[in-house]
Every structure is written in C-alpha cells, then in structure tokens.
Amino acid sequence: MRLADLGLRLGECFFYDYDFGDHWQHQLRVEALLRPEPNHCYPVCIAGKRACPPEDCGGPWAFMALRQQYSLFHIAQQLEEIIESGDSSEYVEELHDLRYWLTVDRFDRTTVNRRLRR
C-alpha cells in the first residue's frame, strides 16, 4: 500500500502496527507533501530516536524490562568477569549483546538510510 493512497493531510498522524503479537506500534505524522526528486532514492529517513529493539524481544514492556536489566552497572560487572576469565573468545555472543545495550540510545540515520536503499 502506498501512503498517498491513504489520503492523509499535512500534520495528520496514524499508527502502524509492526508486530501484532508483541504490539509494536509506530506513530507516523505527515510532515510535508513533496514531489519526488529525480535521481533520489526513496523512502528516506529524516530523523529518529534510539536504536531499534532486538528482534523478538517480547514487545515494548519486555524491552523496557531488558533495558533496566542491562544497566551500566550490570554491563560493567559482566565485562569485568569476561576480562578476568582471560579468554573472551567464549563470550562473543554475550559481548555482542552488551555492545547493543551500551548503544541502545544511539540513532544512526546513515545506517537506516543505507538499509532503506537496499
């Protein structure tokens, strides 16, 4: 479905349900109605906030619980244990998870637009 088919007006909002089981809802607002420019790739992200949640994390409430669980203190403790173990190779998956939670509040518009172009 094309957004133009919805007949939305400037400033109008609507909700998009991403995952009916986990109840991820996105509120979208029409900021401007523009003609597509030649030689430009669409869609394009103009702004955002925070990284996307991990896939299948259980919805907004489960995500917020995980976010509290992975506090900076918890992450520091886990990293200390990994360093003290002397062999970080067996902790690759855990290190990947810890890295995500350290950057959960970061939004990278360049990466989003690179993915949209694909």
C-alpha atoms as a PDB file:
ATOM      1  CA  MET A   1       0.000   0.000   0.000  1.00  0.00           C
ATOM      2  CA  ARG A   2       1.251   3.498  -0.778  1.00  0.00           C
ATOM      3  CA  LEU A   3       0.947   6.260   1.810  1.00  0.00           C
ATOM      4  CA  ALA A   4      -0.518   8.526  -0.876  1.00  0.00           C
ATOM      5  CA  ASP A   5      -3.471   6.109  -1.106  1.00  0.00           C
ATOM      6  CA  LEU A   6      -4.449   6.899   2.490  1.00  0.00           C
ATOM      7  CA  GLY A   7      -5.395  10.481   1.620  1.00  0.00           C
ATOM      8  CA  LEU A   8      -3.603  11.932   4.640  1.00  0.00           C
ATOM      9  CA  ARG A   9      -3.370  15.697   5.126  1.00  0.00           C
ATOM     10  CA  LEU A  10      -0.433  17.758   6.346  1.00  0.00           C
ATOM     11  CA  GLY A  11       0.085  17.245  10.094  1.00  0.00           C
ATOM     12  CA  GLU A  12      -2.187  14.187  10.232  1.00  0.00           C
ATOM     13  CA  CYS A  13      -0.971  11.152  12.195  1.00  0.00           C
ATOM     14  CA  PHE A  14      -1.637   7.438  12.031  1.00  0.00           C
ATOM     15  CA  PHE A  15      -0.418   4.326  13.817  1.00  0.00           C
ATOM     16  CA  TYR A  16       1.381   1.447  12.142  1.00  0.00           C
ATOM     17  CA  ASP A  17       1.405  -1.924  13.920  1.00  0.00           C
ATOM     18  CA  TYR A  18       4.725  -3.609  13.190  1.00  0.00           C
ATOM     19  CA  ASP A  19       4.173  -6.818  15.139  1.00  0.00           C
ATOM     20  CA  PHE A  20       0.636  -7.719  16.155  1.00  0.00           C
ATOM     21  CA  GLY A  21       1.840 -10.342  18.656  1.00  0.00           C
ATOM     22  CA  ASP A  22       4.225  -8.054  20.519  1.00  0.00           C
ATOM     23  CA  HIS A  23       2.188  -4.855  19.999  1.00  0.00           C
ATOM     24  CA  TRP A  24       4.917  -2.686  18.491  1.00  0.00           C
ATOM     25  CA  GLN A  25       3.186   0.474  17.316  1.00  0.00           C
ATOM     26  CA  HIS A  26       4.739   3.345  15.415  1.00  0.00           C
ATOM     27  CA  GLN A  27       3.123   6.736  15.169  1.00  0.00           C
ATOM     28  CA  LEU A  28       3.739   8.430  11.826  1.00  0.00           C
ATOM     29  CA  ARG A  29       2.955  12.046  11.022  1.00  0.00           C
ATOM     30  CA  VAL A  30       2.786  13.740   7.634  1.00  0.00           C
ATOM     31  CA  GLU A  31       5.445  16.446   7.840  1.00  0.00           C
ATOM     32  CA  ALA A  32       5.304  17.614   4.231  1.00  0.00           C
ATOM     33  CA  LEU A  33       3.846  16.661   0.872  1.00  0.00           C
ATOM     34  CA  LEU A  34       6.642  16.826  -1.685  1.00  0.00           C
ATOM     35  CA  ARG A  35       7.111  15.695  -5.247  1.00  0.00           C
ATOM     36  CA  PRO A  36       9.800  13.046  -5.679  1.00  0.00           C
ATOM     37  CA  GLU A  37      13.080  14.469  -6.920  1.00  0.00           C
ATOM     38  CA  PRO A  38      14.706  12.775  -9.907  1.00  0.00           C
ATOM     39  CA  ASN A  39      17.733  10.597  -9.113  1.00  0.00           C
ATOM     40  CA  HIS A  40      16.850  10.374  -5.414  1.00  0.00           C
ATOM     41  CA  CYS A  41      16.268   7.114  -3.572  1.00  0.00           C
ATOM     42  CA  TYR A  42      13.003   6.748  -1.617  1.00  0.00           C
ATOM     43  CA  PRO A  43      11.929   6.163   1.112  1.00  0.00           C
ATOM     44  CA  VAL A  44      14.385   8.228   3.161  1.00  0.00           C
ATOM     45  CA  CYS A  45      14.635   8.659   6.915  1.00  0.00           C
ATOM     46  CA  ILE A  46      14.919  12.293   8.022  1.00  0.00           C
ATOM     47  CA  ALA A  47      15.079  11.718  11.793  1.00  0.00           C
ATOM     48  CA  GLY A  48      14.712   9.135  14.512  1.00  0.00           C
ATOM     49  CA  LYS A  49      15.393   8.311  18.108  1.00  0.00           C
ATOM     50  CA  ARG A  50      17.220   5.363  19.670  1.00  0.00           C
ATOM     51  CA  ALA A  51      18.306   2.074  18.134  1.00  0.00           C
ATOM     52  CA  CYS A  52      15.666  -0.434  17.114  1.00  0.00           C
ATOM     53  CA  PRO A  53      14.871  -3.079  19.724  1.00  0.00           C
ATOM     54  CA  PRO A  54      16.236  -6.600  19.322  1.00  0.00           C
ATOM     55  CA  GLU A  55      14.065  -8.801  17.111  1.00  0.00           C
ATOM     56  CA  ASP A  56      11.533 -10.916  19.048  1.00  0.00           C
ATOM     57  CA  CYS A  57      12.392  -9.334  22.410  1.00  0.00           C
ATOM     58  CA  GLY A  58       8.767  -9.606  23.561  1.00  0.00           C
ATOM     59  CA  GLY A  59       7.289  -6.192  22.880  1.00  0.00           C
ATOM     60  CA  PRO A  60       7.655  -2.758  24.458  1.00  0.00           C
ATOM     61  CA  TRP A  61       7.185  -3.895  28.070  1.00  0.00           C
ATOM     62  CA  ALA A  62       9.679  -6.750  27.765  1.00  0.00           C
ATOM     63  CA  PHE A  63      12.119  -4.414  26.026  1.00  0.00           C
ATOM     64  CA  MET A  64      11.898  -1.898  28.876  1.00  0.00           C
ATOM     65  CA  ALA A  65      12.465  -4.698  31.417  1.00  0.00           C
ATOM     66  CA  LEU A  66      15.553  -5.832  29.489  1.00  0.00           C
ATOM     67  CA  ARG A  67      16.768  -2.263  29.320  1.00  0.00           C
ATOM     68  CA  GLN A  68      16.572  -1.997  33.103  1.00  0.00           C
ATOM     69  CA  GLN A  69      18.296  -5.366  33.482  1.00  0.00           C
ATOM     70  CA  TYR A  70      21.189  -4.231  31.268  1.00  0.00           C
ATOM     71  CA  SER A  71      22.105  -1.176  33.334  1.00  0.00           C
ATOM     72  CA  LEU A  72      25.594   0.301  33.012  1.00  0.00           C
ATOM     73  CA  PHE A  73      26.454  -1.302  36.349  1.00  0.00           C
ATOM     74  CA  HIS A  74      25.371  -4.752  35.114  1.00  0.00           C
ATOM     75  CA  ILE A  75      27.323  -4.312  31.871  1.00  0.00           C
ATOM     76  CA  ALA A  76      30.440  -3.256  33.791  1.00  0.00           C
ATOM     77  CA  GLN A  77      30.145  -6.335  36.036  1.00  0.00           C
ATOM     78  CA  GLN A  78      29.784  -8.650  33.037  1.00  0.00           C
ATOM     79  CA  LEU A  79      32.771  -7.076  31.269  1.00  0.00           C
ATOM     80  CA  GLU A  80      34.863  -7.417  34.419  1.00  0.00           C
ATOM     81  CA  GLU A  81      34.022 -11.135  34.642  1.00  0.00           C
ATOM     82  CA  ILE A  82      34.877 -11.659  30.971  1.00  0.00           C
ATOM     83  CA  ILE A  83      38.207  -9.850  31.325  1.00  0.00           C
ATOM     84  CA  GLU A  84      39.075 -11.801  34.469  1.00  0.00           C
ATOM     85  CA  SER A  85      38.301 -15.096  32.705  1.00  0.00           C
ATOM     86  CA  GLY A  86      41.269 -14.447  30.431  1.00  0.00           C
ATOM     87  CA  ASP A  87      39.529 -15.938  27.368  1.00  0.00           C
ATOM     88  CA  SER A  88      36.941 -13.674  25.750  1.00  0.00           C
ATOM     89  CA  SER A  89      36.501 -15.988  22.740  1.00  0.00           C
ATOM     90  CA  GLU A  90      33.803 -17.991  24.515  1.00  0.00           C
ATOM     91  CA  TYR A  91      31.860 -14.790  25.261  1.00  0.00           C
ATOM     92  CA  VAL A  92      31.447 -13.457  21.710  1.00  0.00           C
ATOM     93  CA  GLU A  93      27.642 -13.600  21.742  1.00  0.00           C
ATOM     94  CA  GLU A  94      27.422 -12.048  25.205  1.00  0.00           C
ATOM     95  CA  LEU A  95      29.844  -9.269  24.171  1.00  0.00           C
ATOM     96  CA  HIS A  96      27.647  -8.583  21.149  1.00  0.00           C
ATOM     97  CA  ASP A  97      24.589  -8.283  23.431  1.00  0.00           C
ATOM     98  CA  LEU A  98      26.433  -5.997  25.866  1.00  0.00           C
ATOM     99  CA  ARG A  99      27.551  -3.767  22.982  1.00  0.00           C
ATOM    100  CA  TYR A 100      23.926  -3.410  21.857  1.00  0.00           C
ATOM    101  CA  TRP A 101      22.770  -2.307  25.317  1.00  0.00           C
ATOM    102  CA  LEU A 102      25.623   0.202  25.581  1.00  0.00           C
ATOM    103  CA  THR A 103      24.445   1.866  22.358  1.00  0.00           C
ATOM    104  CA  VAL A 104      20.673   1.410  22.732  1.00  0.00           C
ATOM    105  CA  ASP A 105      20.047   5.179  22.936  1.00  0.00           C
ATOM    106  CA  ARG A 106      22.069   5.921  19.787  1.00  0.00           C
ATOM    107  CA  PHE A 107      20.309   6.538  16.470  1.00  0.00           C
ATOM    108  CA  ASP A 108      22.261   6.266  13.226  1.00  0.00           C
ATOM    109  CA  ARG A 109      20.290   7.827  10.373  1.00  0.00           C
ATOM    110  CA  THR A 110      23.050   6.998   7.856  1.00  0.00           C
ATOM    111  CA  THR A 111      22.754   3.279   8.612  1.00  0.00           C
ATOM    112  CA  VAL A 112      18.946   3.440   8.432  1.00  0.00           C
ATOM    113  CA  ASN A 113      19.064   5.096   5.006  1.00  0.00           C
ATOM    114  CA  ARG A 114      21.673   2.600   3.779  1.00  0.00           C
ATOM    115  CA  ARG A 115      19.277  -0.211   4.743  1.00  0.00           C
ATOM    116  CA  LEU A 116      16.333   1.545   3.094  1.00  0.00           C
ATOM    117  CA  ARG A 117      18.279   1.827  -0.180  1.00  0.00           C
ATOM    118  CA  ARG A 118      18.749  -1.968  -0.201  1.00  0.00           C
END
